[in-house]
Protein backbone atom coordinates (compact mmCIF):
# COMPACT_ATOMS: atom_id res chain seq x y z
CA MET A 1 -0.39 0.27 -0.14
CA ILE A 2 1.26 3.40 -0.74
CA ALA A 3 0.44 6.16 1.28
CA ASN A 4 -0.98 9.78 -0.37
CA MET A 5 0.61 12.20 1.36
CA THR A 6 0.37 15.59 3.10
CA PRO A 7 0.23 18.71 4.72
CA LEU A 8 -1.33 20.71 3.12
CA ASP A 9 -1.43 24.25 3.59
CA ARG A 10 -2.52 26.47 0.24
CA GLY A 11 -1.19 30.43 1.44
CA GLU A 12 0.24 29.73 4.87
CA ARG A 13 2.97 32.33 5.51
CA THR A 14 6.19 31.70 6.74
CA GLU A 15 7.11 34.72 8.79
CA ARG A 16 8.22 33.97 11.90
CA PRO A 17 5.95 34.21 15.10
CA ALA A 18 5.82 38.05 15.81
CA SER A 19 6.77 36.92 19.62
CA ILE A 20 9.67 35.44 18.23
CA ALA A 21 11.17 38.07 15.76
CA ALA A 22 10.48 40.57 18.57
CA ALA A 23 13.62 38.68 20.26
CA SER A 24 16.34 38.91 17.10
CA PRO A 25 17.67 41.25 15.80
CA ILE A 26 17.11 39.56 12.54
CA PRO A 27 14.34 40.68 9.87
CA ARG A 28 12.24 39.20 8.91
CA THR A 29 11.61 37.26 5.65
CA ILE A 30 8.01 37.16 3.19
CA ARG A 31 8.09 33.36 2.36
CA ASP A 32 11.11 31.01 2.56
CA HIS A 33 11.02 29.37 -1.33
CA ARG A 34 12.86 26.77 -0.11
CA ILE A 35 10.01 25.24 1.73
CA ASP A 36 7.51 25.91 -1.26
CA SER A 37 9.43 24.27 -4.06
CA LEU A 38 10.28 20.83 -1.89
CA ARG A 39 7.02 20.45 -1.65
CA GLY A 40 6.18 21.43 -4.77
CA ALA A 41 8.87 18.26 -6.06
CA ALA A 42 7.33 16.34 -3.50
CA LEU A 43 3.99 16.70 -5.67
CA LEU A 44 5.53 15.93 -8.41
CA MET A 45 7.28 13.06 -7.31
CA MET A 46 3.73 11.67 -5.43
CA LEU A 47 2.22 11.79 -8.55
CA ALA A 48 4.46 9.14 -10.23
CA ASP A 49 4.39 6.93 -6.91
CA HIS A 50 0.47 6.76 -6.61
CA VAL A 51 0.34 4.68 -10.30
CA PRO A 52 2.69 1.64 -9.85
CA ASP A 53 3.15 1.26 -12.91
CA ASP A 54 4.90 4.56 -13.99
CA LEU A 55 7.96 4.04 -15.18
CA LEU A 56 8.92 7.88 -13.49
CA ASN A 57 8.59 6.69 -10.07
CA ARG A 58 11.83 4.73 -10.75
CA ILE A 59 13.90 7.73 -10.73
CA THR A 60 11.76 9.32 -7.77
CA MET A 61 13.19 9.89 -3.80
CA ARG A 62 11.84 6.35 -3.07
CA ASN A 63 13.83 4.74 -4.51
CA PHE A 64 17.25 6.83 -3.70
CA GLY A 65 16.90 6.16 0.12
CA PHE A 66 14.10 4.80 2.98
CA ALA A 67 12.15 7.63 2.94
CA ASP A 68 9.58 9.09 0.66
CA ALA A 69 7.29 12.34 -0.38
CA ALA A 70 4.93 11.78 2.36
CA GLU A 71 7.97 12.17 4.69
CA ILE A 72 8.41 15.62 3.12
CA PHE A 73 5.05 16.62 3.33
CA VAL A 74 4.21 15.99 7.28
CA LEU A 75 7.44 17.92 8.11
CA LEU A 76 6.90 20.92 6.06
CA ALA A 77 2.86 20.91 7.08
CA GLY A 78 4.34 20.91 11.12
CA TYR A 79 6.92 24.05 9.79
CA ALA A 80 4.31 25.86 7.75
CA SER A 81 1.57 25.17 10.93
CA PHE A 82 3.66 27.03 13.23
CA LEU A 83 5.29 29.70 10.83
CA ALA A 84 1.35 30.24 10.14
CA TYR A 85 -0.81 29.26 12.72
CA GLY A 86 2.01 29.94 15.85
CA ARG A 87 2.39 33.43 14.69
CA LEU A 88 -1.39 33.92 14.38
CA ILE A 89 -2.12 32.87 17.66
CA ASP A 90 0.98 35.57 19.29
CA ARG A 91 -0.62 38.44 17.26
CA GLN A 92 -4.43 37.91 17.22
CA GLY A 93 -5.10 35.21 20.43
CA TRP A 94 -5.23 31.79 20.95
CA SER A 95 -9.73 31.82 20.02
CA THR A 96 -8.74 33.27 16.60
CA GLY A 97 -5.88 31.18 16.21
CA ILE A 98 -8.11 27.61 16.77
CA LYS A 99 -10.81 29.20 14.89
CA ARG A 100 -8.69 29.76 11.67
CA ILE A 101 -7.60 25.91 12.29
CA ALA A 102 -10.51 24.43 12.72
CA GLY A 103 -11.73 26.36 8.73
CA ARG A 104 -8.46 24.95 7.24
CA CYS A 105 -9.60 21.09 9.11
CA GLY A 106 -12.65 21.75 7.80
CA ARG A 107 -12.24 22.29 4.47
CA LEU A 108 -9.34 19.32 4.40
CA TYR A 109 -12.28 17.38 5.19
CA PHE A 110 -14.24 18.43 2.43
CA TYR A 111 -11.14 17.53 0.37
CA GLN A 112 -10.98 14.41 1.76
CA THR A 113 -14.59 13.53 1.42
CA ALA A 114 -14.65 14.88 -2.28
CA MET A 115 -11.90 12.62 -3.32
CA THR A 116 -13.35 9.49 -1.62
CA LEU A 117 -16.59 10.02 -3.23
CA VAL A 118 -15.17 10.76 -7.11
CA PHE A 119 -12.44 7.85 -6.09
CA VAL A 120 -15.80 5.19 -5.34
CA TRP A 121 -17.77 6.21 -7.99
CA THR A 122 -14.93 6.36 -10.88
CA VAL A 123 -13.86 3.23 -10.30
CA ARG A 124 -17.21 1.73 -10.43
CA HIS A 125 -18.36 3.24 -13.44
CA TRP A 126 -15.50 2.52 -15.43
CA ARG A 127 -15.47 -1.59 -14.42
CA HIS A 128 -18.90 -1.67 -16.34
CA TYR A 129 -16.46 -1.86 -19.79
CA GLU A 130 -13.25 -2.81 -18.52
CA PRO A 131 -11.87 -4.88 -15.80
CA VAL A 132 -10.04 -3.39 -12.39
CA PRO A 133 -7.59 -4.51 -10.91
CA GLU A 134 -8.58 -5.01 -6.93
CA TYR A 135 -5.57 -3.60 -5.47
CA ILE A 136 -7.43 -0.35 -6.78
CA LEU A 137 -11.05 -0.30 -4.49
CA GLU A 138 -11.01 -2.57 -1.91
CA PRO A 139 -13.48 -5.32 -2.02
CA GLN A 140 -15.57 -3.60 1.10
CA LEU A 141 -16.69 -0.57 -1.27
CA ALA A 142 -17.04 -2.33 -4.25
CA HIS A 143 -20.95 -2.90 -3.88
CA GLY A 144 -23.62 -0.51 -1.47
CA TYR A 145 -23.42 2.32 0.21
CA GLY A 146 -23.46 1.01 4.19
CA TRP A 147 -19.63 1.85 4.06
CA LEU A 148 -20.49 6.02 3.57
CA TRP A 149 -21.06 6.73 7.24
CA ARG A 150 -17.36 4.70 8.13
CA ILE A 151 -15.93 7.06 5.44
CA LEU A 152 -17.41 10.45 6.73
CA THR A 153 -16.31 9.58 10.45
CA PHE A 154 -12.71 8.30 9.29
CA ASP A 155 -13.26 5.00 10.48
CA ALA A 156 -12.68 3.18 6.98
CA LEU A 157 -9.45 5.11 4.98
CA PRO A 158 -9.20 3.52 1.44
CA SER A 159 -5.63 2.92 0.20
CA TYR A 160 -4.25 5.66 -1.57
CA LEU A 161 -6.54 8.15 0.62
CA ASN A 162 -4.72 8.55 3.76
CA ILE A 163 -2.68 11.29 4.23
CA LEU A 164 -5.51 13.84 4.66
CA PRO A 165 -6.64 12.73 7.99
CA LEU A 166 -3.99 12.02 9.12
CA TYR A 167 -2.85 15.81 8.90
CA ILE A 168 -6.39 17.05 10.01
CA ILE A 169 -4.83 14.81 13.50
CA LEU A 170 -2.28 16.86 13.67
CA LEU A 171 -3.49 20.15 12.89
CA ALA A 172 -5.87 20.04 15.32
CA LEU A 173 -3.25 18.94 17.82
CA PHE A 174 -1.46 22.54 16.48
CA PRO A 175 -2.67 24.42 19.40
CA LEU A 176 -2.58 21.68 22.48
CA ILE A 177 1.63 21.29 20.22
CA TYR A 178 2.33 24.69 20.15
CA ARG A 179 1.27 25.18 23.74
CA ILE A 180 3.64 22.91 25.34
CA MET A 181 6.99 24.39 23.44
CA LYS A 182 6.19 28.23 24.67
CA GLU A 183 6.51 26.27 27.91
CA SER A 184 9.42 24.21 27.29
CA ALA A 185 10.68 22.69 23.98
CA TRP A 186 12.60 20.01 25.11
CA VAL A 187 9.87 18.88 27.28
CA LEU A 188 7.18 18.92 23.88
CA PHE A 189 10.39 16.53 22.57
CA GLY A 190 10.52 14.50 25.19
CA ILE A 191 6.69 14.09 25.02
CA SER A 192 6.35 12.91 20.93
CA ALA A 193 9.82 11.65 20.98
CA ALA A 194 8.41 9.11 23.74
CA ILE A 195 4.43 8.31 22.22
CA TRP A 196 6.29 7.73 18.71
CA ALA A 197 8.47 5.08 20.69
CA VAL A 198 6.01 3.55 22.14
CA SER A 199 4.13 3.18 18.95
CA ASN A 200 7.31 2.26 17.23
CA ILE A 201 7.60 -0.70 20.44
CA ASP A 202 3.98 -2.04 19.88
CA PRO A 203 2.30 -1.12 16.15
CA ARG A 204 -0.88 -1.43 18.05
CA LEU A 205 -1.39 1.48 19.46
CA THR A 206 -3.17 2.90 16.21
CA ILE A 207 -6.59 4.01 15.20
CA PRO A 208 -8.44 1.32 14.05
CA ASN A 209 -9.62 1.12 9.96
CA TRP A 210 -12.53 -1.31 8.97
CA LEU A 211 -10.44 -1.62 5.69
CA ASP A 212 -7.06 -2.80 7.24
CA PRO A 213 -7.21 -4.93 9.70
CA ASN A 214 -3.88 -3.25 10.75
CA GLY A 215 -5.17 -0.37 11.81
CA TRP A 216 -3.89 3.38 9.85
CA TYR A 217 -1.25 2.74 7.53
CA LEU A 218 -0.13 6.37 8.32
CA ASN A 219 0.32 5.32 12.18
CA PRO A 220 -0.73 9.00 13.88
CA PHE A 221 1.26 8.05 17.06
CA ALA A 222 4.21 7.48 15.19
CA TRP A 223 3.90 10.35 12.52
CA GLN A 224 3.25 13.12 15.08
CA PHE A 225 7.03 12.89 15.71
CA LEU A 226 7.50 13.84 11.80
CA TYR A 227 5.17 16.86 12.63
CA THR A 228 6.35 17.81 15.94
CA LEU A 229 10.30 18.09 14.76
CA GLY A 230 8.74 20.75 11.67
CA VAL A 231 7.62 22.73 14.52
CA LEU A 232 10.76 22.43 16.15
CA GLY A 233 13.18 22.86 13.48
CA ALA A 234 10.36 26.46 11.99
CA LEU A 235 11.32 27.32 15.54
CA TRP A 236 14.62 26.44 15.50
CA ALA A 237 15.40 28.10 12.35
CA SER A 238 13.17 31.88 13.98
CA ARG A 239 16.41 32.57 15.17
CA HIS A 240 18.32 32.07 12.15
CA GLY A 241 16.62 34.20 10.29
CA GLY A 242 14.71 31.56 8.82
CA ASP A 243 17.69 29.47 7.68
CA LEU A 244 18.61 26.54 10.00
CA PRO A 245 22.16 27.07 11.25
CA TYR A 246 25.00 25.79 8.57
CA LYS A 247 27.41 23.70 10.27
CA ARG A 248 30.20 21.72 8.28
CA TRP A 249 30.28 18.35 10.44
CA ALA A 250 26.42 18.11 10.55
CA ARG A 251 25.68 18.46 6.80
CA THR A 252 28.76 15.96 6.36
CA LEU A 253 27.12 13.50 8.57
CA CYS A 254 24.13 14.18 6.76
CA TRP A 255 25.49 13.16 3.37
CA LEU A 256 27.47 10.51 4.64
CA TYR A 257 24.49 8.97 6.31
CA LEU A 258 22.06 9.66 2.71
CA ALA A 259 25.24 8.05 0.66
CA GLY A 260 24.55 5.00 2.96
CA ALA A 261 20.83 4.72 2.34
CA PHE A 262 20.95 5.28 -1.48
CA VAL A 263 23.94 2.44 -1.61
CA LEU A 264 21.42 0.20 0.90
CA CYS A 265 18.07 1.70 -1.00
CA PHE A 266 19.34 1.74 -4.71
CA PRO A 267 17.03 -0.83 -7.03
CA TYR A 268 20.54 -2.53 -8.71
CA GLU A 269 17.76 -5.34 -10.32
CA TYR A 270 16.11 -3.05 -12.03
CA TRP A 271 18.88 -1.53 -13.74
CA HIS A 272 20.44 -4.59 -13.80
CA VAL A 273 23.84 -3.41 -12.45
CA PRO A 274 26.19 -5.11 -10.13
CA SER A 275 24.56 -4.36 -6.07
CA LEU A 276 27.05 -2.59 -3.78
CA ARG A 277 25.14 -3.68 -0.69
CA LEU A 278 27.30 -5.11 2.08
CA PHE A 279 24.29 -6.02 4.02
CA PRO A 280 20.90 -5.87 3.07
CA ALA A 281 18.64 -3.61 3.55
CA PRO A 282 16.00 -3.41 6.29
CA ALA A 283 13.08 -6.18 5.73
CA ALA A 284 10.37 -4.27 6.78
CA ASN A 285 8.96 -1.34 5.31
CA GLY A 286 8.65 0.84 8.28
CA LYS A 287 6.35 3.26 7.20
CA SER A 288 3.35 2.82 9.14
CA THR A 289 5.19 3.57 12.42
CA LEU A 290 7.69 6.16 10.57
CA VAL A 291 10.80 3.39 11.99
CA PRO A 292 14.20 4.93 12.81
CA TRP A 293 15.74 5.13 9.23
CA ARG A 294 12.95 6.50 7.96
CA LEU A 295 12.50 9.37 10.37
CA LEU A 296 16.83 9.86 9.62
CA ASP A 297 16.67 9.92 6.33
CA ILE A 298 14.19 12.72 5.88
CA LEU A 299 15.70 14.77 8.87
CA SER A 300 18.26 14.73 6.92
CA ILE A 301 17.25 15.63 3.57
CA PHE A 302 15.44 18.63 5.05
CA TYR A 303 18.68 20.05 6.67
CA LEU A 304 20.90 20.22 3.88
CA VAL A 305 18.05 21.86 2.33
CA GLN A 306 17.63 24.39 4.56
CA SER A 307 20.84 25.53 5.66
CA SER A 308 21.67 25.81 1.67
CA GLU A 309 22.24 28.97 0.03
CA LEU A 310 22.82 27.52 -2.76
CA LEU A 311 18.95 26.07 -3.05
CA LYS A 312 18.12 29.34 -1.07
CA ARG A 313 18.79 30.22 -5.19
CA PHE A 314 17.61 27.80 -7.32
CA SER A 315 14.20 28.33 -5.15
CA GLY A 316 14.37 31.75 -6.54
CA GLY A 317 15.06 31.08 -9.64
CA LYS A 318 12.31 30.06 -12.87
CA LEU A 319 12.28 26.12 -11.45
CA GLY A 320 12.92 26.93 -8.24
CA GLN A 321 9.43 28.83 -8.59
CA ALA A 322 7.59 26.23 -10.56
CA LEU A 323 8.41 24.21 -8.09
CA ALA A 324 6.94 26.69 -5.47
CA MET A 325 4.18 27.72 -7.41
CA LEU A 326 2.75 24.15 -6.87
CA GLY A 327 3.89 23.99 -3.66
CA ARG A 328 2.17 27.17 -2.43
CA ASN A 329 -1.62 25.61 -3.41
CA SER A 330 -0.45 22.48 -2.32
CA LEU A 331 -3.99 20.77 -1.19
CA GLU A 332 -5.53 21.37 -4.97
CA ILE A 333 -2.61 20.12 -6.29
CA PHE A 334 -2.56 17.39 -4.22
CA SER A 335 -5.99 16.57 -4.75
CA PHE A 336 -6.36 17.17 -8.49
CA SER A 337 -3.02 14.65 -8.64
CA THR A 338 -4.85 12.21 -6.99
CA VAL A 339 -7.79 11.59 -9.20
CA LEU A 340 -5.08 12.22 -11.72
CA ASP A 341 -3.17 8.72 -10.14
CA LEU A 342 -6.32 6.85 -10.23
CA VAL A 343 -6.75 7.30 -13.56
CA GLY A 344 -3.02 6.46 -14.78
CA ARG A 345 -4.07 3.48 -13.14
CA LEU A 346 -7.22 2.70 -14.80
CA VAL A 347 -5.59 3.50 -17.71
CA PHE A 348 -2.60 1.36 -17.75
CA GLY A 349 -4.39 -1.45 -15.63
CA SER A 350 -6.78 -1.39 -19.08
CA PHE A 351 -4.06 -0.65 -21.49
CA GLY A 352 -1.13 -2.09 -21.33
CA THR A 353 2.34 -0.31 -20.23
CA GLY A 354 3.27 0.95 -23.38
CA ILE A 355 5.98 3.62 -23.96
CA ALA A 356 3.97 5.36 -26.14
CA LEU A 357 1.24 4.99 -23.55
CA GLN A 358 3.54 6.53 -20.52
CA ILE A 359 4.68 9.75 -22.57
CA ILE A 360 0.89 10.34 -23.69
CA ILE A 361 -0.01 9.88 -19.83
CA ASN A 362 3.08 11.93 -18.35
CA VAL A 363 3.00 15.01 -20.45
CA VAL A 364 -0.93 14.87 -19.48
CA GLY A 365 -0.70 14.96 -15.70
CA LEU A 366 1.96 16.82 -15.64
CA THR A 367 0.70 19.38 -18.17
CA LEU A 368 -2.70 19.66 -16.73
CA VAL A 369 -1.08 19.75 -13.05
CA PHE A 370 1.04 22.98 -13.80
CA VAL A 371 -2.25 24.13 -16.01
CA LEU A 372 -4.08 24.45 -12.70
CA ALA A 373 -1.63 25.36 -10.70
CA VAL A 374 -1.01 29.13 -12.95
CA PRO A 375 -4.45 30.99 -12.67
CA LEU A 376 -4.57 29.08 -8.72
CA ASP A 377 -1.57 30.93 -7.83
CA ARG A 378 -2.86 34.34 -9.91
CA SER A 379 -5.95 34.30 -7.50
CA ARG A 380 -4.04 33.70 -4.76
CA GLN A 381 -1.34 36.54 -5.11
CA LYS A 382 -3.78 38.86 -5.93
CA ALA A 383 -5.94 38.23 -2.83
CA LYS A 384 -3.08 39.05 -1.00
CA ALA A 385 -2.55 42.33 -2.46
CA ALA A 386 -6.11 42.99 -1.93
CA ARG A 387 -5.65 42.04 2.06
CA ASN A 388 -2.82 43.97 2.48
CA SER A 389 -4.75 47.06 0.08
CA GLN A 390 -6.81 47.08 2.98
CA ALA A 391 -4.58 47.13 6.04
CA ALA A 392 -2.56 49.81 4.35
CA ALA A 393 -5.84 52.31 4.45
CA SER A 394 -6.77 50.89 8.10
CA ARG A 395 -3.98 51.95 9.49
CA PRO A 396 -4.25 55.22 11.03
CA GLY A 397 -2.51 58.07 9.55
């Protein structure tokens, strides 16, 4: 089972919270484009990863390390939550912040429900004309509508549609996370790490899933740690002008870890090249409970990105901004991509995976994603300009 992702906060600003900014002489930045560019790159990787027969998914990050795009999204969700809602809470109070978070959770819930209904409707109608592999739709959803209440209450999470419910839970917990962090970042880290450790020791600590006897595929008790680390990472970066501190020894350790992960995880068999593994890669995937080697993988990548001046400049260039455009509108792009992924799986399952069809599906899919992103981003920029004008007009004098 491949999990969907997301943390998905279109329009989340990356200013530092006012209480922290006031304590630092470093000027606030409006937006760190590296965050949006990294999130946009993850969206494109997910677009390929969630179609098992797509040849493009042979070159995404999951083939070269332990982690994949899901970890990127959850980590960035915590980072962006701190910068958006933490600042809001500091400036306008807990009531305003909680209301804004509740509204965002409601929006995420709407997209999750809509995607699920589109998913089931599409598969049910497709099977009237072509056979549909069982892995695309759980048998419990194939007939009748008795499952609907389970979907609406998150008692049932279908394959490929399990990231937004996780994000809703994590975002709903943000006020508690932020409150503990304001008392002590180390206490927050300790509590979150302890819960993560217990969920790895006993995977039965999870939320039940009617469609899977093992519970939620992305176990919230484990994945909350990655989200919390994103929150703490944003706190750390806010004290250094939006960057993680550049430490040569730390970057060397990260590169060494990622190099080792590459050697262990590279699909030598698929590319028909001699294996360089000195010992087997860990047998268990470990994605459900976010095992330590996956956690270290994504943290290494994130540190290298957020401490790199070169990547900061790249994110401001044309290619970086194209990726950032996707990242700034990630909820809509993710939801649309999920539907495209379903169509891709159905087309490949019905008509084969020949190279011509591969090219058509990928070119059309990538084109449609950017075609959607352009008007979304323009609309977002207009709304932002209007808000700024209104705020300027309301200032005295």
